[in-house]
Amino acid sequence: MASLTVSAHQNRSMPRQSAFSIDSILGLDRPDQRTALSAPYRPWTDVKPAGQNRGVVADSDVSVDVRVNEDGKSYSKSPADAYRRTLNWYIGRRPRTAFSSVQIKILESVFQVNSYPGIDIREELAKKLHLDEDRIQIWFQNRRAKLKRSHRESQFLMVKNVLSDLQSSRER
């Protein structure tokens, strides 16, 4: 029984390495993993935007998939686009919604009246504009963020102008 007490006491005196410590979660408790975390893996920074490699593709060994639309116009799927779609951050991501000028005009006019439209208004807009309701909701969120950003910038410019006026009046 005494040996059991001694071993329990010895276990308490030694700090136990928790599997849920910050270092173990980040992998810093293993010396071979420390160097891997010094430079984060960001493969999308290696991919050049479409159009930068034009003219070079013809001379390179990379094959480009050229297809024909229903209109008869040809287009190519660049290797960069194919690579981008295989990246973990890109998988499951929906393509960006391109709003037409008419859709934007209608959304802007509704935004002038109500920047927080309810679900009923968003659903009605979605039906009339042939868009998903969640795209309408995201558009309004982005538009409110844009308005907030422009207010912040205009306030900054006003303060900047007042400060420059004060400095110029002191110099006189």
Protein backbone atom coordinates (compact mmCIF):
# COMPACT_ATOMS: atom_id res chain seq x y z
CA MET A 1 0.00 0.00 0.00
CA ALA A 2 2.92 2.32 0.78
CA SER A 3 4.38 1.79 -2.69
CA LEU A 4 1.10 2.84 -4.21
CA THR A 5 1.13 6.10 -2.26
CA VAL A 6 4.71 6.83 -3.25
CA SER A 7 4.06 6.27 -6.95
CA ALA A 8 0.94 8.44 -6.85
CA HIS A 9 2.96 11.18 -5.11
CA GLN A 10 5.69 10.91 -7.74
CA ASN A 11 3.13 11.33 -10.53
CA ARG A 12 1.79 14.52 -8.95
CA SER A 13 5.20 16.10 -8.59
CA MET A 14 6.07 15.69 -12.28
CA PRO A 15 4.25 18.07 -14.61
CA ARG A 16 2.19 16.01 -16.98
CA GLN A 17 2.35 16.88 -20.70
CA SER A 18 -1.24 17.45 -21.78
CA ALA A 19 -2.31 16.40 -25.25
CA PHE A 20 -4.45 19.53 -25.35
CA SER A 21 -1.74 22.09 -24.68
CA ILE A 22 -1.31 24.91 -27.17
CA ASP A 23 2.11 23.58 -28.16
CA SER A 24 0.79 20.10 -28.85
CA ILE A 25 -2.22 21.39 -30.79
CA LEU A 26 0.05 23.54 -32.94
CA GLY A 27 2.58 20.74 -33.24
CA LEU A 28 5.30 22.74 -31.49
CA ASP A 29 6.00 19.99 -28.98
CA ARG A 30 7.67 17.97 -31.74
CA PRO A 31 11.02 19.42 -32.84
CA ASP A 32 10.63 18.13 -36.41
CA GLN A 33 7.39 20.14 -36.82
CA ARG A 34 8.74 23.50 -35.65
CA THR A 35 10.41 24.37 -38.94
CA ALA A 36 7.31 23.43 -40.93
CA LEU A 37 5.26 26.11 -39.17
CA SER A 38 7.71 28.92 -39.86
CA ALA A 39 6.38 29.46 -43.38
CA PRO A 40 2.63 28.86 -43.76
CA TYR A 41 1.52 26.87 -46.78
CA ARG A 42 -0.36 29.16 -49.13
CA PRO A 43 -0.54 27.52 -52.55
CA TRP A 44 -2.85 30.17 -53.99
CA THR A 45 0.00 32.70 -53.87
CA ASP A 46 1.95 30.56 -56.35
CA VAL A 47 -0.85 30.59 -58.92
CA LYS A 48 -0.69 33.49 -61.35
CA PRO A 49 -4.01 35.08 -62.36
CA ALA A 50 -5.41 34.05 -65.71
CA GLY A 51 -3.99 36.14 -68.50
CA GLN A 52 -0.47 36.60 -67.15
CA ASN A 53 0.85 33.53 -68.93
CA ARG A 54 -0.63 34.32 -72.33
CA GLY A 55 1.89 33.94 -75.09
CA VAL A 56 4.03 31.66 -72.97
CA VAL A 57 1.54 28.80 -72.96
CA ALA A 58 2.06 28.07 -76.65
CA ASP A 59 5.79 27.49 -76.13
CA SER A 60 5.48 25.58 -72.86
CA ASP A 61 4.92 21.87 -72.37
CA VAL A 62 1.70 22.51 -70.42
CA SER A 63 -1.41 21.42 -72.24
CA VAL A 64 -4.30 23.86 -72.35
CA ASP A 65 -7.84 22.60 -72.72
CA VAL A 66 -9.48 24.60 -75.53
CA ARG A 67 -13.24 24.24 -75.84
CA VAL A 68 -16.00 25.76 -77.96
CA ASN A 69 -19.09 27.50 -76.50
CA GLU A 70 -22.60 27.10 -77.88
CA ASP A 71 -21.95 30.46 -79.61
CA GLY A 72 -19.07 28.90 -81.54
CA LYS A 73 -16.55 31.03 -79.62
CA SER A 74 -13.55 29.17 -78.29
CA TYR A 75 -12.25 29.53 -74.78
CA SER A 76 -9.51 27.82 -72.85
CA LYS A 77 -9.38 26.42 -69.38
CA SER A 78 -5.99 27.47 -68.10
CA PRO A 79 -3.88 25.06 -66.05
CA ALA A 80 -3.95 27.63 -63.26
CA ASP A 81 -7.76 27.41 -63.10
CA ALA A 82 -7.63 23.62 -63.04
CA TYR A 83 -5.00 23.71 -60.29
CA ARG A 84 -6.95 26.28 -58.27
CA ARG A 85 -10.04 24.06 -58.25
CA THR A 86 -8.07 21.21 -56.66
CA LEU A 87 -6.86 23.28 -53.70
CA ASN A 88 -8.39 22.56 -50.29
CA TRP A 89 -9.59 26.14 -49.75
CA TYR A 90 -11.26 26.17 -53.17
CA ILE A 91 -13.11 22.84 -52.94
CA GLY A 92 -16.80 23.38 -52.27
CA ARG A 93 -16.55 27.10 -52.88
CA ARG A 94 -19.26 28.44 -55.13
CA PRO A 95 -18.34 30.67 -58.06
CA ARG A 96 -18.59 34.41 -57.57
CA THR A 97 -21.97 35.85 -58.50
CA ALA A 98 -21.80 38.45 -61.26
CA PHE A 99 -24.69 40.88 -60.82
CA SER A 100 -26.03 42.63 -63.92
CA SER A 101 -26.32 46.41 -63.97
CA VAL A 102 -30.13 46.12 -63.78
CA GLN A 103 -29.89 43.86 -60.72
CA ILE A 104 -27.47 46.26 -59.03
CA LYS A 105 -29.72 49.23 -59.80
CA ILE A 106 -32.71 47.48 -58.20
CA LEU A 107 -30.70 46.30 -55.18
CA GLU A 108 -29.27 49.82 -54.69
CA SER A 109 -32.75 51.38 -54.83
CA VAL A 110 -34.02 48.94 -52.19
CA PHE A 111 -30.90 49.60 -50.10
CA GLN A 112 -31.62 53.36 -50.13
CA VAL A 113 -35.01 52.66 -48.55
CA ASN A 114 -34.04 49.79 -46.24
CA SER A 115 -30.50 48.58 -45.64
CA TYR A 116 -31.76 45.67 -43.51
CA PRO A 117 -34.51 44.02 -45.59
CA GLY A 118 -36.36 41.13 -43.98
CA ILE A 119 -36.61 37.63 -45.33
CA ASP A 120 -39.87 38.38 -47.15
CA ILE A 121 -38.35 41.29 -49.09
CA ARG A 122 -35.19 39.31 -49.85
CA GLU A 123 -37.23 36.37 -51.15
CA GLU A 124 -39.32 38.68 -53.34
CA LEU A 125 -36.15 40.30 -54.70
CA ALA A 126 -34.63 36.88 -55.32
CA LYS A 127 -37.68 35.81 -57.30
CA LYS A 128 -37.78 39.01 -59.38
CA LEU A 129 -34.02 39.14 -60.01
CA HIS A 130 -33.64 35.37 -60.61
CA LEU A 131 -31.07 35.02 -57.82
CA ASP A 132 -30.81 32.92 -54.69
CA GLU A 133 -32.03 34.56 -51.49
CA ASP A 134 -28.69 33.94 -49.81
CA ARG A 135 -26.93 35.89 -52.61
CA ILE A 136 -29.29 38.81 -51.92
CA GLN A 137 -28.52 38.60 -48.20
CA ILE A 138 -24.75 38.57 -48.87
CA TRP A 139 -25.11 41.52 -51.26
CA PHE A 140 -26.82 43.57 -48.53
CA GLN A 141 -24.16 42.57 -45.97
CA ASN A 142 -21.41 43.62 -48.36
CA ARG A 143 -23.21 46.87 -49.22
CA ARG A 144 -23.59 47.75 -45.53
CA ALA A 145 -19.88 47.06 -45.02
CA LYS A 146 -19.08 49.31 -47.99
CA LEU A 147 -21.25 52.10 -46.53
CA LYS A 148 -19.60 51.75 -43.12
CA ARG A 149 -16.14 51.85 -44.75
CA SER A 150 -17.00 54.98 -46.75
CA HIS A 151 -18.35 56.71 -43.61
CA ARG A 152 -15.15 55.86 -41.77
CA GLU A 153 -13.01 57.19 -44.64
CA SER A 154 -15.03 60.42 -44.91
CA GLN A 155 -14.75 60.99 -41.14
CA PHE A 156 -11.01 60.44 -41.38
CA LEU A 157 -10.77 62.99 -44.20
CA MET A 158 -12.83 65.51 -42.20
CA VAL A 159 -10.54 65.14 -39.17
CA LYS A 160 -7.49 65.36 -41.41
CA ASN A 161 -8.79 68.59 -43.00
CA VAL A 162 -9.57 70.13 -39.60
CA LEU A 163 -6.09 69.27 -38.32
CA SER A 164 -4.42 70.72 -41.40
CA ASP A 165 -6.53 73.90 -41.04
CA LEU A 166 -5.46 74.19 -37.38
CA GLN A 167 -1.81 73.77 -38.29
CA SER A 168 -2.01 76.32 -41.07
CA SER A 169 -3.74 78.85 -38.76
CA ARG A 170 -1.01 78.40 -36.12
CA GLU A 171 1.71 79.04 -38.69
CA ARG A 172 0.25 82.43 -39.61
